[in-house]
PDB file of N, CA and C in Angstrom:
ATOM      1  N   MET A   1     -18.804 306.247 242.794  1.00  0.00           N
ATOM      2  CA  MET A   1     -17.515 305.585 242.798  1.00  0.00           C
ATOM      3  C   MET A   1     -17.518 304.538 243.909  1.00  0.00           C
ATOM      4  N   THR A   2     -17.135 303.331 243.554  1.00  0.00           N
ATOM      5  CA  THR A   2     -17.087 302.251 244.531  1.00  0.00           C
ATOM      6  C   THR A   2     -15.796 302.341 245.338  1.00  0.00           C
ATOM      7  N   PRO A   3     -15.801 301.745 246.531  1.00  0.00           N
ATOM      8  CA  PRO A   3     -14.606 301.816 247.388  1.00  0.00           C
ATOM      9  C   PRO A   3     -13.352 301.239 246.736  1.00  0.00           C
ATOM     10  N   ASP A   4     -13.510 300.249 245.865  1.00  0.00           N
ATOM     11  CA  ASP A   4     -12.327 299.643 245.257  1.00  0.00           C
ATOM     12  C   ASP A   4     -11.891 300.344 243.968  1.00  0.00           C
ATOM     13  N   PHE A   5     -12.592 301.413 243.561  1.00  0.00           N
ATOM     14  CA  PHE A   5     -12.225 302.114 242.327  1.00  0.00           C
ATOM     15  C   PHE A   5     -10.803 302.671 242.364  1.00  0.00           C
ATOM     16  N   PRO A   6     -10.365 303.322 243.433  1.00  0.00           N
ATOM     17  CA  PRO A   6      -8.985 303.842 243.425  1.00  0.00           C
ATOM     18  C   PRO A   6      -7.938 302.754 243.159  1.00  0.00           C
ATOM     19  N   ALA A   7      -8.119 301.594 243.731  1.00  0.00           N
ATOM     20  CA  ALA A   7      -7.170 300.502 243.493  1.00  0.00           C
ATOM     21  C   ALA A   7      -7.258 300.020 242.047  1.00  0.00           C
ATOM     22  N   ARG A   8      -8.496 299.886 241.520  1.00  0.00           N
ATOM     23  CA  ARG A   8      -8.668 299.471 240.124  1.00  0.00           C
ATOM     24  C   ARG A   8      -8.056 300.500 239.176  1.00  0.00           C
ATOM     25  N   PHE A   9      -8.277 301.780 239.495  1.00  0.00           N
ATOM     26  CA  PHE A   9      -7.735 302.840 238.643  1.00  0.00           C
ATOM     27  C   PHE A   9      -6.209 302.831 238.667  1.00  0.00           C
ATOM     28  N   SER A  10      -5.632 302.688 239.842  1.00  0.00           N
ATOM     29  CA  SER A  10      -4.178 302.646 239.968  1.00  0.00           C
ATOM     30  C   SER A  10      -3.601 301.477 239.174  1.00  0.00           C
ATOM     31  N   ASP A  11      -4.227 300.306 239.299  1.00  0.00           N
ATOM     32  CA  ASP A  11      -3.780 299.129 238.546  1.00  0.00           C
ATOM     33  C   ASP A  11      -3.945 299.346 237.045  1.00  0.00           C
ATOM     34  N   ALA A  12      -5.067 299.960 236.653  1.00  0.00           N
ATOM     35  CA  ALA A  12      -5.322 300.219 235.234  1.00  0.00           C
ATOM     36  C   ALA A  12      -4.306 301.209 234.671  1.00  0.00           C
ATOM     37  N   LEU A  13      -3.940 302.198 235.458  1.00  0.00           N
ATOM     38  CA  LEU A  13      -2.962 303.188 235.011  1.00  0.00           C
ATOM     39  C   LEU A  13      -1.609 302.522 234.760  1.00  0.00           C
ATOM     40  N   VAL A  14      -1.188 301.697 235.682  1.00  0.00           N
ATOM     41  CA  VAL A  14       0.073 300.973 235.512  1.00  0.00           C
ATOM     42  C   VAL A  14      -0.019 300.041 234.303  1.00  0.00           C
ATOM     43  N   SER A  15      -1.152 299.362 234.137  1.00  0.00           N
ATOM     44  CA  SER A  15      -1.331 298.464 232.991  1.00  0.00           C
ATOM     45  C   SER A  15      -1.272 299.219 231.674  1.00  0.00           C
ATOM     46  N   GLU A  16      -1.880 300.389 231.629  1.00  0.00           N
ATOM     47  CA  GLU A  16      -1.853 301.195 230.409  1.00  0.00           C
ATOM     48  C   GLU A  16      -0.447 301.679 230.089  1.00  0.00           C
ATOM     49  N   ILE A  17       0.297 302.053 231.103  1.00  0.00           N
ATOM     50  CA  ILE A  17       1.687 302.468 230.881  1.00  0.00           C
ATOM     51  C   ILE A  17       2.486 301.295 230.327  1.00  0.00           C
ATOM     52  N   LYS A  18       2.322 300.125 230.933  1.00  0.00           N
ATOM     53  CA  LYS A  18       3.046 298.939 230.464  1.00  0.00           C
ATOM     54  C   LYS A  18       2.619 298.552 229.048  1.00  0.00           C
ATOM     55  N   ALA A  19       1.327 298.669 228.759  1.00  0.00           N
ATOM     56  CA  ALA A  19       0.841 298.343 227.415  1.00  0.00           C
ATOM     57  C   ALA A  19       1.459 299.279 226.380  1.00  0.00           C
ATOM     58  N   GLU A  20       1.510 300.556 226.700  1.00  0.00           N
ATOM     59  CA  GLU A  20       2.112 301.524 225.771  1.00  0.00           C
ATOM     60  C   GLU A  20       3.606 301.272 225.621  1.00  0.00           C
ATOM     61  N   MET A  21       4.258 300.898 226.704  1.00  0.00           N
ATOM     62  CA  MET A  21       5.675 300.543 226.613  1.00  0.00           C
ATOM     63  C   MET A  21       5.848 299.355 225.668  1.00  0.00           C
ATOM     64  N   GLY A  22       4.946 298.388 225.760  1.00  0.00           N
ATOM     65  CA  GLY A  22       4.996 297.231 224.873  1.00  0.00           C
ATOM     66  C   GLY A  22       4.774 297.616 223.421  1.00  0.00           C
ATOM     67  N   ARG A  23       3.807 298.492 223.175  1.00  0.00           N
ATOM     68  CA  ARG A  23       3.536 298.942 221.807  1.00  0.00           C
ATOM     69  C   ARG A  23       4.760 299.636 221.209  1.00  0.00           C
ATOM     70  N   GLN A  24       5.490 300.337 222.049  1.00  0.00           N
ATOM     71  CA  GLN A  24       6.665 301.073 221.580  1.00  0.00           C
ATOM     72  C   GLN A  24       7.955 300.279 221.758  1.00  0.00           C
ATOM     73  N   ASP A  25       7.826 299.050 222.227  1.00  0.00           N
ATOM     74  CA  ASP A  25       8.973 298.168 222.446  1.00  0.00           C
ATOM     75  C   ASP A  25      10.016 298.819 223.362  1.00  0.00           C
ATOM     76  N   LEU A  26       9.527 299.380 224.471  1.00  0.00           N
ATOM     77  CA  LEU A  26      10.387 300.044 225.453  1.00  0.00           C
ATOM     78  C   LEU A  26      10.517 299.184 226.706  1.00  0.00           C
ATOM     79  N   SER A  27      11.718 298.993 227.165  1.00  0.00           N
ATOM     80  CA  SER A  27      11.937 298.296 228.433  1.00  0.00           C
ATOM     81  C   SER A  27      11.828 299.298 229.576  1.00  0.00           C
ATOM     82  N   SER A  28      11.773 298.794 230.792  1.00  0.00           N
ATOM     83  CA  SER A  28      11.763 299.676 231.964  1.00  0.00           C
ATOM     84  C   SER A  28      13.034 300.509 232.012  1.00  0.00           C
ATOM     85  N   ARG A  29      14.130 299.902 231.648  1.00  0.00           N
ATOM     86  CA  ARG A  29      15.418 300.605 231.641  1.00  0.00           C
ATOM     87  C   ARG A  29      15.415 301.740 230.612  1.00  0.00           C
ATOM     88  N   ALA A  30      14.845 301.471 229.428  1.00  0.00           N
ATOM     89  CA  ALA A  30      14.776 302.504 228.387  1.00  0.00           C
ATOM     90  C   ALA A  30      13.855 303.643 228.817  1.00  0.00           C
ATOM     91  N   LEU A  31      12.722 303.300 229.433  1.00  0.00           N
ATOM     92  CA  LEU A  31      11.815 304.340 229.924  1.00  0.00           C
ATOM     93  C   LEU A  31      12.506 305.173 230.998  1.00  0.00           C
ATOM     94  N   ALA A  32      13.245 304.516 231.865  1.00  0.00           N
ATOM     95  CA  ALA A  32      13.970 305.230 232.924  1.00  0.00           C
ATOM     96  C   ALA A  32      14.937 306.244 232.323  1.00  0.00           C
ATOM     97  N   ARG A  33      15.651 305.834 231.270  1.00  0.00           N
ATOM     98  CA  ARG A  33      16.575 306.773 230.615  1.00  0.00           C
ATOM     99  C   ARG A  33      15.820 307.966 230.043  1.00  0.00           C
ATOM    100  N   LEU A  34      14.652 307.704 229.436  1.00  0.00           N
ATOM    101  CA  LEU A  34      13.868 308.785 228.830  1.00  0.00           C
ATOM    102  C   LEU A  34      13.374 309.802 229.856  1.00  0.00           C
ATOM    103  N   ILE A  35      13.092 309.337 231.072  1.00  0.00           N
ATOM    104  CA  ILE A  35      12.584 310.268 232.089  1.00  0.00           C
ATOM    105  C   ILE A  35      13.694 310.768 233.013  1.00  0.00           C
ATOM    106  N   GLY A  36      14.934 310.379 232.708  1.00  0.00           N
ATOM    107  CA  GLY A  36      16.063 310.859 233.504  1.00  0.00           C
ATOM    108  C   GLY A  36      16.142 310.231 234.876  1.00  0.00           C
ATOM    109  N   SER A  37      15.801 308.960 234.945  1.00  0.00           N
ATOM    110  CA  SER A  37      15.823 308.263 236.224  1.00  0.00           C
ATOM    111  C   SER A  37      16.557 306.942 236.051  1.00  0.00           C
ATOM    112  N   ASN A  38      16.416 306.060 237.053  1.00  0.00           N
ATOM    113  CA  ASN A  38      17.052 304.749 236.940  1.00  0.00           C
ATOM    114  C   ASN A  38      15.987 303.652 236.875  1.00  0.00           C
ATOM    115  N   ALA A  39      16.420 302.463 236.500  1.00  0.00           N
ATOM    116  CA  ALA A  39      15.495 301.347 236.314  1.00  0.00           C
ATOM    117  C   ALA A  39      14.778 300.980 237.610  1.00  0.00           C
ATOM    118  N   GLN A  40      15.448 301.121 238.744  1.00  0.00           N
ATOM    119  CA  GLN A  40      14.817 300.792 240.028  1.00  0.00           C
ATOM    120  C   GLN A  40      13.635 301.720 240.305  1.00  0.00           C
ATOM    121  N   PHE A  41      13.777 302.988 239.943  1.00  0.00           N
ATOM    122  CA  PHE A  41      12.696 303.962 240.115  1.00  0.00           C
ATOM    123  C   PHE A  41      11.461 303.513 239.333  1.00  0.00           C
ATOM    124  N   VAL A  42      11.661 303.153 238.067  1.00  0.00           N
ATOM    125  CA  VAL A  42      10.546 302.723 237.219  1.00  0.00           C
ATOM    126  C   VAL A  42       9.974 301.411 237.728  1.00  0.00           C
ATOM    127  N   SER A  43      10.833 300.475 238.055  1.00  0.00           N
ATOM    128  CA  SER A  43      10.385 299.172 238.539  1.00  0.00           C
ATOM    129  C   SER A  43       9.558 299.291 239.814  1.00  0.00           C
ATOM    130  N   SER A  44       9.957 300.186 240.701  1.00  0.00           N
ATOM    131  CA  SER A  44       9.223 300.329 241.964  1.00  0.00           C
ATOM    132  C   SER A  44       7.816 300.869 241.746  1.00  0.00           C
ATOM    133  N   ARG A  45       7.599 301.551 240.621  1.00  0.00           N
ATOM    134  CA  ARG A  45       6.283 302.117 240.335  1.00  0.00           C
ATOM    135  C   ARG A  45       5.444 301.240 239.414  1.00  0.00           C
ATOM    136  N   LEU A  46       6.093 300.449 238.573  1.00  0.00           N
ATOM    137  CA  LEU A  46       5.345 299.662 237.594  1.00  0.00           C
ATOM    138  C   LEU A  46       5.374 298.160 237.851  1.00  0.00           C
ATOM    139  N   ASP A  47       6.340 297.693 238.611  1.00  0.00           N
ATOM    140  CA  ASP A  47       6.467 296.251 238.806  1.00  0.00           C
ATOM    141  C   ASP A  47       6.184 295.871 240.252  1.00  0.00           C
ATOM    142  N   GLY A  48       7.048 295.085 240.831  1.00  0.00           N
ATOM    143  CA  GLY A  48       6.835 294.564 242.173  1.00  0.00           C
ATOM    144  C   GLY A  48       6.896 295.573 243.288  1.00  0.00           C
ATOM    145  N   GLY A  49       7.504 296.706 243.029  1.00  0.00           N
ATOM    146  CA  GLY A  49       7.543 297.731 244.057  1.00  0.00           C
ATOM    147  C   GLY A  49       8.722 297.617 244.984  1.00  0.00           C
ATOM    148  N   ASN A  50       8.501 298.030 246.192  1.00  0.00           N
ATOM    149  CA  ASN A  50       9.531 298.050 247.219  1.00  0.00           C
ATOM    150  C   ASN A  50       9.930 296.619 247.564  1.00  0.00           C
ATOM    151  N   PRO A  51      11.224 296.269 247.437  1.00  0.00           N
ATOM    152  CA  PRO A  51      11.646 294.900 247.732  1.00  0.00           C
ATOM    153  C   PRO A  51      11.358 294.465 249.169  1.00  0.00           C
ATOM    154  N   ARG A  52      11.370 295.415 250.101  1.00  0.00           N
ATOM    155  CA  ARG A  52      11.128 295.060 251.508  1.00  0.00           C
ATOM    156  C   ARG A  52       9.652 294.804 251.787  1.00  0.00           C
ATOM    157  N   THR A  53       8.784 295.634 251.231  1.00  0.00           N
ATOM    158  CA  THR A  53       7.353 295.502 251.528  1.00  0.00           C
ATOM    159  C   THR A  53       6.599 294.745 250.449  1.00  0.00           C
ATOM    160  N   GLY A  54       7.149 294.718 249.227  1.00  0.00           N
ATOM    161  CA  GLY A  54       6.454 294.068 248.126  1.00  0.00           C
ATOM    162  C   GLY A  54       5.323 294.910 247.561  1.00  0.00           C
ATOM    163  N   GLU A  55       5.161 296.125 248.058  1.00  0.00           N
ATOM    164  CA  GLU A  55       4.089 296.992 247.573  1.00  0.00           C
ATOM    165  C   GLU A  55       4.623 297.950 246.520  1.00  0.00           C
ATOM    166  N   ARG A  56       3.806 298.144 245.493  1.00  0.00           N
ATOM    167  CA  ARG A  56       4.177 299.070 244.434  1.00  0.00           C
ATOM    168  C   ARG A  56       4.116 300.496 244.968  1.00  0.00           C
ATOM    169  N   VAL A  57       5.086 301.309 244.579  1.00  0.00           N
ATOM    170  CA  VAL A  57       5.094 302.722 244.947  1.00  0.00           C
ATOM    171  C   VAL A  57       4.032 303.426 244.108  1.00  0.00           C
ATOM    172  N   ILE A  58       3.228 304.255 244.741  1.00  0.00           N
ATOM    173  CA  ILE A  58       2.160 304.965 244.046  1.00  0.00           C
ATOM    174  C   ILE A  58       2.760 306.039 243.144  1.00  0.00           C
ATOM    175  N   LEU A  59       2.248 306.131 241.915  1.00  0.00           N
ATOM    176  CA  LEU A  59       2.704 307.154 240.981  1.00  0.00           C
ATOM    177  C   LEU A  59       2.266 308.535 241.449  1.00  0.00           C
ATOM    178  N   THR A  60       3.173 309.483 241.409  1.00  0.00           N
ATOM    179  CA  THR A  60       2.810 310.865 241.709  1.00  0.00           C
ATOM    180  C   THR A  60       2.418 311.553 240.401  1.00  0.00           C
ATOM    181  N   VAL A  61       1.870 312.745 240.506  1.00  0.00           N
ATOM    182  CA  VAL A  61       1.525 313.516 239.311  1.00  0.00           C
ATOM    183  C   VAL A  61       2.793 313.803 238.505  1.00  0.00           C
ATOM    184  N   ARG A  62       3.881 314.083 239.194  1.00  0.00           N
ATOM    185  CA  ARG A  62       5.159 314.328 238.512  1.00  0.00           C
ATOM    186  C   ARG A  62       5.610 313.081 237.751  1.00  0.00           C
ATOM    187  N   ASP A  63       5.484 311.902 238.388  1.00  0.00           N
ATOM    188  CA  ASP A  63       5.843 310.643 237.718  1.00  0.00           C
ATOM    189  C   ASP A  63       4.976 310.441 236.478  1.00  0.00           C
ATOM    190  N   LEU A  64       3.671 310.619 236.654  1.00  0.00           N
ATOM    191  CA  LEU A  64       2.718 310.429 235.561  1.00  0.00           C
ATOM    192  C   LEU A  64       3.051 311.347 234.392  1.00  0.00           C
ATOM    193  N   SER A  65       3.342 312.599 234.681  1.00  0.00           N
ATOM    194  CA  SER A  65       3.663 313.566 233.638  1.00  0.00           C
ATOM    195  C   SER A  65       4.935 313.176 232.894  1.00  0.00           C
ATOM    196  N   ALA A  66       5.969 312.824 233.624  1.00  0.00           N
ATOM    197  CA  ALA A  66       7.240 312.442 232.999  1.00  0.00           C
ATOM    198  C   ALA A  66       7.078 311.199 232.130  1.00  0.00           C
ATOM    199  N   ILE A  67       6.365 310.208 232.644  1.00  0.00           N
ATOM    200  CA  ILE A  67       6.171 308.959 231.901  1.00  0.00           C
ATOM    201  C   ILE A  67       5.316 309.199 230.665  1.00  0.00           C
ATOM    202  N   ALA A  68       4.229 309.941 230.814  1.00  0.00           N
ATOM    203  CA  ALA A  68       3.347 310.224 229.674  1.00  0.00           C
ATOM    204  C   ALA A  68       4.123 310.919 228.559  1.00  0.00           C
ATOM    205  N   HIS A  69       4.875 311.937 228.899  1.00  0.00           N
ATOM    206  CA  HIS A  69       5.624 312.670 227.877  1.00  0.00           C
ATOM    207  C   HIS A  69       6.715 311.808 227.247  1.00  0.00           C
ATOM    208  N   ALA A  70       7.343 310.952 228.029  1.00  0.00           N
ATOM    209  CA  ALA A  70       8.357 310.043 227.483  1.00  0.00           C
ATOM    210  C   ALA A  70       7.732 309.072 226.490  1.00  0.00           C
ATOM    211  N   LEU A  71       6.468 308.722 226.716  1.00  0.00           N
ATOM    212  CA  LEU A  71       5.761 307.807 225.820  1.00  0.00           C
ATOM    213  C   LEU A  71       5.094 308.539 224.656  1.00  0.00           C
ATOM    214  N   GLY A  72       5.218 309.860 224.636  1.00  0.00           N
ATOM    215  CA  GLY A  72       4.613 310.637 223.553  1.00  0.00           C
ATOM    216  C   GLY A  72       3.122 310.835 223.719  1.00  0.00           C
ATOM    217  N   LEU A  73       2.634 310.734 224.946  1.00  0.00           N
ATOM    218  CA  LEU A  73       1.210 310.895 225.237  1.00  0.00           C
ATOM    219  C   LEU A  73       1.013 312.079 226.170  1.00  0.00           C
ATOM    220  N   SER A  74      -0.214 312.572 226.201  1.00  0.00           N
ATOM    221  CA  SER A  74      -0.540 313.576 227.211  1.00  0.00           C
ATOM    222  C   SER A  74      -0.954 312.844 228.486  1.00  0.00           C
ATOM    223  N   GLU A  75      -0.869 313.544 229.585  1.00  0.00           N
ATOM    224  CA  GLU A  75      -1.309 312.964 230.850  1.00  0.00           C
ATOM    225  C   GLU A  75      -2.786 312.595 230.760  1.00  0.00           C
ATOM    226  N   LEU A  76      -3.558 313.457 230.107  1.00  0.00           N
ATOM    227  CA  LEU A  76      -4.996 313.231 229.969  1.00  0.00           C
ATOM    228  C   LEU A  76      -5.289 311.951 229.194  1.00  0.00           C
ATOM    229  N   GLU A  77      -4.538 311.702 228.124  1.00  0.00           N
ATOM    230  CA  GLU A  77      -4.742 310.486 227.331  1.00  0.00           C
ATOM    231  C   GLU A  77      -4.488 309.243 228.177  1.00  0.00           C
ATOM    232  N   LEU A  78      -3.415 309.256 228.924  1.00  0.00           N
ATOM    233  CA  LEU A  78      -3.068 308.112 229.763  1.00  0.00           C
ATOM    234  C   LEU A  78      -4.112 307.893 230.851  1.00  0.00           C
ATOM    235  N   VAL A  79      -4.536 308.965 231.497  1.00  0.00           N
ATOM    236  CA  VAL A  79      -5.548 308.871 232.553  1.00  0.00           C
ATOM    237  C   VAL A  79      -6.890 308.437 231.969  1.00  0.00           C
ATOM    238  N   SER A  80      -7.243 308.942 230.789  1.00  0.00           N
ATOM    239  CA  SER A  80      -8.514 308.559 230.152  1.00  0.00           C
ATOM    240  C   SER A  80      -8.546 307.073 229.833  1.00  0.00           C
ATOM    241  N   ARG A  81      -7.442 306.565 229.303  1.00  0.00           N
ATOM    242  CA  ARG A  81      -7.369 305.127 229.010  1.00  0.00           C
ATOM    243  C   ARG A  81      -7.542 304.313 230.291  1.00  0.00           C
ATOM    244  N   ALA A  82      -6.847 304.723 231.335  1.00  0.00           N
ATOM    245  CA  ALA A  82      -6.924 303.997 232.608  1.00  0.00           C
ATOM    246  C   ALA A  82      -8.323 304.071 233.192  1.00  0.00           C
ATOM    247  N   GLN A  83      -8.946 305.231 233.107  1.00  0.00           N
ATOM    248  CA  GLN A  83     -10.295 305.386 233.648  1.00  0.00           C
ATOM    249  C   GLN A  83     -11.280 304.512 232.888  1.00  0.00           C
ATOM    250  N   SER A  84     -11.115 304.439 231.587  1.00  0.00           N
ATOM    251  CA  SER A  84     -11.986 303.598 230.770  1.00  0.00           C
ATOM    252  C   SER A  84     -11.883 302.132 231.194  1.00  0.00           C
ATOM    253  N   VAL A  85     -10.660 301.680 231.421  1.00  0.00           N
ATOM    254  CA  VAL A  85     -10.450 300.291 231.853  1.00  0.00           C
ATOM    255  C   VAL A  85     -10.987 300.079 233.265  1.00  0.00           C
ATOM    256  N   ALA A  86     -10.714 301.011 234.157  1.00  0.00           N
ATOM    257  CA  ALA A  86     -11.145 300.871 235.558  1.00  0.00           C
ATOM    258  C   ALA A  86     -12.664 300.880 235.682  1.00  0.00           C
ATOM    259  N   ASN A  87     -13.346 301.602 234.798  1.00  0.00           N
ATOM    260  CA  ASN A  87     -14.809 301.672 234.844  1.00  0.00           C
ATOM    261  C   ASN A  87     -15.485 300.470 234.207  1.00  0.00           C
ATOM    262  N   SER A  88     -14.756 299.710 233.428  1.00  0.00           N
ATOM    263  CA  SER A  88     -15.371 298.590 232.717  1.00  0.00           C
ATOM    264  C   SER A  88     -15.313 297.319 233.551  1.00  0.00           C
ATOM    265  N   ASN A  89     -16.173 296.407 233.206  1.00  0.00           N
ATOM    266  CA  ASN A  89     -16.202 295.110 233.883  1.00  0.00           C
ATOM    267  C   ASN A  89     -15.605 294.019 233.014  1.00  0.00           C
ATOM    268  N   VAL A  90     -14.979 294.416 231.924  1.00  0.00           N
ATOM    269  CA  VAL A  90     -14.412 293.438 231.008  1.00  0.00           C
ATOM    270  C   VAL A  90     -12.917 293.659 230.881  1.00  0.00           C
ATOM    271  N   VAL A  91     -12.245 292.625 230.464  1.00  0.00           N
ATOM    272  CA  VAL A  91     -10.813 292.714 230.221  1.00  0.00           C
ATOM    273  C   VAL A  91     -10.616 293.307 228.831  1.00  0.00           C
ATOM    274  N   PRO A  92      -9.749 294.303 228.680  1.00  0.00           N
ATOM    275  CA  PRO A  92      -9.544 294.883 227.358  1.00  0.00           C
ATOM    276  C   PRO A  92      -8.969 293.853 226.393  1.00  0.00           C
ATOM    277  N   LEU A  93      -9.360 293.975 225.138  1.00  0.00           N
ATOM    278  CA  LEU A  93      -8.881 293.048 224.125  1.00  0.00           C
ATOM    279  C   LEU A  93      -7.416 293.290 223.824  1.00  0.00           C
ATOM    280  N   ARG A  94      -6.777 292.233 223.434  1.00  0.00           N
ATOM    281  CA  ARG A  94      -5.381 292.319 223.030  1.00  0.00           C
ATOM    282  C   ARG A  94      -5.341 292.938 221.635  1.00  0.00           C
ATOM    283  N   ARG A  95      -4.481 293.915 221.434  1.00  0.00           N
ATOM    284  CA  ARG A  95      -4.368 294.554 220.127  1.00  0.00           C
ATOM    285  C   ARG A  95      -3.425 293.744 219.257  1.00  0.00           C
ATOM    286  N   VAL A  96      -3.821 293.554 218.006  1.00  0.00           N
ATOM    287  CA  VAL A  96      -2.969 292.854 217.055  1.00  0.00           C
ATOM    288  C   VAL A  96      -2.687 293.782 215.887  1.00  0.00           C
ATOM    289  N   ARG A  97      -1.566 293.562 215.235  1.00  0.00           N
ATOM    290  CA  ARG A  97      -1.183 294.430 214.120  1.00  0.00           C
ATOM    291  C   ARG A  97      -2.068 294.189 212.901  1.00  0.00           C
ATOM    292  N   THR A  98      -2.291 292.931 212.588  1.00  0.00           N
ATOM    293  CA  THR A  98      -3.095 292.600 211.405  1.00  0.00           C
ATOM    294  C   THR A  98      -3.997 291.429 211.729  1.00  0.00           C
ATOM    295  N   SER A  99      -4.990 291.241 210.888  1.00  0.00           N
ATOM    296  CA  SER A  99      -5.895 290.112 211.121  1.00  0.00           C
ATOM    297  C   SER A  99      -5.189 288.785 210.882  1.00  0.00           C
ATOM    298  N   THR A 100      -4.194 288.750 209.995  1.00  0.00           N
ATOM    299  CA  THR A 100      -3.502 287.491 209.735  1.00  0.00           C
ATOM    300  C   THR A 100      -2.767 286.996 210.974  1.00  0.00           C
ATOM    301  N   GLU A 101      -2.292 287.933 211.777  1.00  0.00           N
ATOM    302  CA  GLU A 101      -1.633 287.542 213.023  1.00  0.00           C
ATOM    303  C   GLU A 101      -2.629 286.814 213.918  1.00  0.00           C
ATOM    304  N   ASP A 102      -3.844 287.331 213.965  1.00  0.00           N
ATOM    305  CA  ASP A 102      -4.884 286.714 214.769  1.00  0.00           C
ATOM    306  C   ASP A 102      -5.301 285.366 214.172  1.00  0.00           C
ATOM    307  N   LEU A 103      -5.441 285.297 212.856  1.00  0.00           N
ATOM    308  CA  LEU A 103      -5.832 284.046 212.207  1.00  0.00           C
ATOM    309  C   LEU A 103      -4.788 282.963 212.432  1.00  0.00           C
ATOM    310  N   ALA A 104      -3.535 283.336 212.355  1.00  0.00           N
ATOM    311  CA  ALA A 104      -2.467 282.362 212.573  1.00  0.00           C
ATOM    312  C   ALA A 104      -2.522 281.818 213.991  1.00  0.00           C
ATOM    313  N   GLU A 105      -2.852 282.681 214.924  1.00  0.00           N
ATOM    314  CA  GLU A 105      -2.931 282.250 216.312  1.00  0.00           C
ATOM    315  C   GLU A 105      -4.100 281.286 216.512  1.00  0.00           C
ATOM    316  N   VAL A 106      -5.240 281.596 215.916  1.00  0.00           N
ATOM    317  CA  VAL A 106      -6.402 280.718 216.027  1.00  0.00           C
ATOM    318  C   VAL A 106      -6.110 279.394 215.339  1.00  0.00           C
ATOM    319  N   ALA A 107      -5.470 279.454 214.177  1.00  0.00           N
ATOM    320  CA  ALA A 107      -5.156 278.232 213.448  1.00  0.00           C
ATOM    321  C   ALA A 107      -4.217 277.343 214.249  1.00  0.00           C
ATOM    322  N   SER A 108      -3.303 277.950 214.969  1.00  0.00           N
ATOM    323  CA  SER A 108      -2.359 277.144 215.741  1.00  0.00           C
ATOM    324  C   SER A 108      -3.020 276.473 216.937  1.00  0.00           C
ATOM    325  N   GLU A 109      -4.206 276.954 217.320  1.00  0.00           N
ATOM    326  CA  GLU A 109      -4.919 276.350 218.440  1.00  0.00           C
ATOM    327  C   GLU A 109      -5.648 275.071 218.030  1.00  0.00           C
ATOM    328  N   SER A 110      -5.831 274.883 216.731  1.00  0.00           N
ATOM    329  CA  SER A 110      -6.549 273.714 216.241  1.00  0.00           C
ATOM    330  C   SER A 110      -5.728 272.457 216.484  1.00  0.00           C
ATOM    331  N   ILE A 111      -6.378 271.441 217.008  1.00  0.00           N
ATOM    332  CA  ILE A 111      -5.687 270.189 217.314  1.00  0.00           C
ATOM    333  C   ILE A 111      -5.555 269.325 216.060  1.00  0.00           C
ATOM    334  N   THR A 112      -6.612 269.290 215.263  1.00  0.00           N
ATOM    335  CA  THR A 112      -6.604 268.459 214.063  1.00  0.00           C
ATOM    336  C   THR A 112      -6.742 269.326 212.825  1.00  0.00           C
ATOM    337  N   ILE A 113      -6.241 268.815 211.729  1.00  0.00           N
ATOM    338  CA  ILE A 113      -6.379 269.510 210.453  1.00  0.00           C
ATOM    339  C   ILE A 113      -7.329 268.686 209.604  1.00  0.00           C
ATOM    340  N   ASN A 114      -8.425 269.298 209.232  1.00  0.00           N
ATOM    341  CA  ASN A 114      -9.421 268.618 208.424  1.00  0.00           C
ATOM    342  C   ASN A 114      -9.803 269.546 207.279  1.00  0.00           C
ATOM    343  N   PRO A 115      -9.553 269.156 206.032  1.00  0.00           N
ATOM    344  CA  PRO A 115      -9.855 270.033 204.901  1.00  0.00           C
ATOM    345  C   PRO A 115     -11.351 270.329 204.760  1.00  0.00           C
ATOM    346  N   ASP A 116     -12.206 269.521 205.381  1.00  0.00           N
ATOM    347  CA  ASP A 116     -13.649 269.749 205.283  1.00  0.00           C
ATOM    348  C   ASP A 116     -14.163 270.747 206.316  1.00  0.00           C
ATOM    349  N   ASP A 117     -13.297 271.176 207.240  1.00  0.00           N
ATOM    350  CA  ASP A 117     -13.717 272.159 208.242  1.00  0.00           C
ATOM    351  C   ASP A 117     -14.021 273.492 207.575  1.00  0.00           C
ATOM    352  N   THR A 118     -15.096 274.098 208.009  1.00  0.00           N
ATOM    353  CA  THR A 118     -15.460 275.424 207.507  1.00  0.00           C
ATOM    354  C   THR A 118     -15.773 276.322 208.692  1.00  0.00           C
ATOM    355  N   ASP A 119     -15.797 277.622 208.417  1.00  0.00           N
ATOM    356  CA  ASP A 119     -16.080 278.586 209.479  1.00  0.00           C
ATOM    357  C   ASP A 119     -17.472 278.404 210.063  1.00  0.00           C
ATOM    358  N   ASP A 120     -18.428 277.945 209.254  1.00  0.00           N
ATOM    359  CA  ASP A 120     -19.793 277.816 209.769  1.00  0.00           C
ATOM    360  C   ASP A 120     -19.930 276.683 210.781  1.00  0.00           C
ATOM    361  N   GLN A 121     -18.895 275.892 210.973  1.00  0.00           N
ATOM    362  CA  GLN A 121     -18.937 274.845 211.989  1.00  0.00           C
ATOM    363  C   GLN A 121     -18.600 275.390 213.370  1.00  0.00           C
ATOM    364  N   TYR A 122     -18.173 276.623 213.461  1.00  0.00           N
ATOM    365  CA  TYR A 122     -17.797 277.202 214.753  1.00  0.00           C
ATOM    366  C   TYR A 122     -18.974 277.759 215.467  1.00  0.00           C
TER     367      TYR A 122
END
């Protein structure tokens, strides 16, 4: 384990929680209601943190358990996802619902429209 692994893991854990919140279309306020807390509690752990210091509050095991269950996940699933990201040297891919969503995005990046363009030109 490298010295910076704990920081990478902590960041990955928060990122995985936020990603799952996005998949479920949950706001910080909605997650706070699910875990019986307030939005400031969630924000201090997942966002900017303490307004005075600017540092994110570290998640406790109790926080992790409450958040995981509110998201319908086990603690192990959430930790495994974070560990996988923290151990990798690559940025995880963005998940899309369908391939057409991805194709539309690529098509919108094209500057010119040419009917003679084919995939083999890429």
